[in-house]
Amino acid sequence: MSPFLGCVGLFLLYYLGLAISIFPYLVPPSMTVVDAPAVPASQASP
């Protein structure tokens, strides 16, 4: 394997680890499953 591909692989692993570590903070901890859906009037029901 060339050194360039090794560096590219390391950077991809770095960004993957960064995305995984930040993911839990994308959703506010104060929001519950009950609060998450939209109001029933705006949801299409069949």
C-alpha atoms as a PDB file:
ATOM      1  CA  MET A   1       0.000   0.000   0.000  1.00  0.00           C
ATOM      2  CA  SER A   2       1.317   3.423  -0.834  1.00  0.00           C
ATOM      3  CA  PRO A   3       1.956   5.948   1.949  1.00  0.00           C
ATOM      4  CA  PHE A   4      -0.571   8.312   0.384  1.00  0.00           C
ATOM      5  CA  LEU A   5      -3.399   5.789   0.687  1.00  0.00           C
ATOM      6  CA  GLY A   6      -2.349   5.087   4.268  1.00  0.00           C
ATOM      7  CA  CYS A   7      -2.623   8.787   5.112  1.00  0.00           C
ATOM      8  CA  VAL A   8      -5.998   9.036   3.403  1.00  0.00           C
ATOM      9  CA  GLY A   9      -7.200   6.039   5.415  1.00  0.00           C
ATOM     10  CA  LEU A  10      -6.016   7.609   8.670  1.00  0.00           C
ATOM     11  CA  PHE A  11      -7.811  10.858   7.904  1.00  0.00           C
ATOM     12  CA  LEU A  12     -11.009   8.977   7.075  1.00  0.00           C
ATOM     13  CA  LEU A  13     -10.780   7.075  10.356  1.00  0.00           C
ATOM     14  CA  TYR A  14     -10.181  10.363  12.172  1.00  0.00           C
ATOM     15  CA  TYR A  15     -13.272  12.004  10.706  1.00  0.00           C
ATOM     16  CA  LEU A  16     -15.350   8.888  11.333  1.00  0.00           C
ATOM     17  CA  GLY A  17     -14.304   8.886  14.989  1.00  0.00           C
ATOM     18  CA  LEU A  18     -15.034  12.588  15.259  1.00  0.00           C
ATOM     19  CA  ALA A  19     -18.509  12.139  13.766  1.00  0.00           C
ATOM     20  CA  ILE A  20     -19.280   9.235  16.102  1.00  0.00           C
ATOM     21  CA  SER A  21     -18.126  11.177  19.159  1.00  0.00           C
ATOM     22  CA  ILE A  22     -20.199  14.264  18.263  1.00  0.00           C
ATOM     23  CA  PHE A  23     -23.345  12.340  17.224  1.00  0.00           C
ATOM     24  CA  PRO A  24     -24.975  12.087  20.688  1.00  0.00           C
ATOM     25  CA  TYR A  25     -24.898  15.886  20.990  1.00  0.00           C
ATOM     26  CA  LEU A  26     -26.816  16.459  17.747  1.00  0.00           C
ATOM     27  CA  VAL A  27     -30.103  15.741  19.523  1.00  0.00           C
ATOM     28  CA  PRO A  28     -30.764  17.922  22.575  1.00  0.00           C
ATOM     29  CA  PRO A  29     -30.835  15.850  25.787  1.00  0.00           C
ATOM     30  CA  SER A  30     -33.960  17.662  26.969  1.00  0.00           C
ATOM     31  CA  MET A  31     -36.002  16.349  24.032  1.00  0.00           C
ATOM     32  CA  THR A  32     -37.914  13.152  24.744  1.00  0.00           C
ATOM     33  CA  VAL A  33     -39.537  10.683  22.363  1.00  0.00           C
ATOM     34  CA  VAL A  34     -42.934  12.184  23.203  1.00  0.00           C
ATOM     35  CA  ASP A  35     -41.750  15.745  22.419  1.00  0.00           C
ATOM     36  CA  ALA A  36     -40.007  14.811  19.166  1.00  0.00           C
ATOM     37  CA  PRO A  37     -42.962  14.246  16.772  1.00  0.00           C
ATOM     38  CA  ALA A  38     -44.806  17.114  15.164  1.00  0.00           C
ATOM     39  CA  VAL A  39     -48.286  18.100  16.233  1.00  0.00           C
ATOM     40  CA  PRO A  40     -50.922  15.600  15.042  1.00  0.00           C
ATOM     41  CA  ALA A  41     -52.696  18.215  12.909  1.00  0.00           C
ATOM     42  CA  SER A  42     -49.613  18.617  10.697  1.00  0.00           C
ATOM     43  CA  GLN A  43     -49.076  14.875  10.230  1.00  0.00           C
ATOM     44  CA  ALA A  44     -50.759  13.130   7.333  1.00  0.00           C
ATOM     45  CA  SER A  45     -52.885  10.256   8.520  1.00  0.00           C
ATOM     46  CA  PRO A  46     -54.249   7.687   6.077  1.00  0.00           C
END
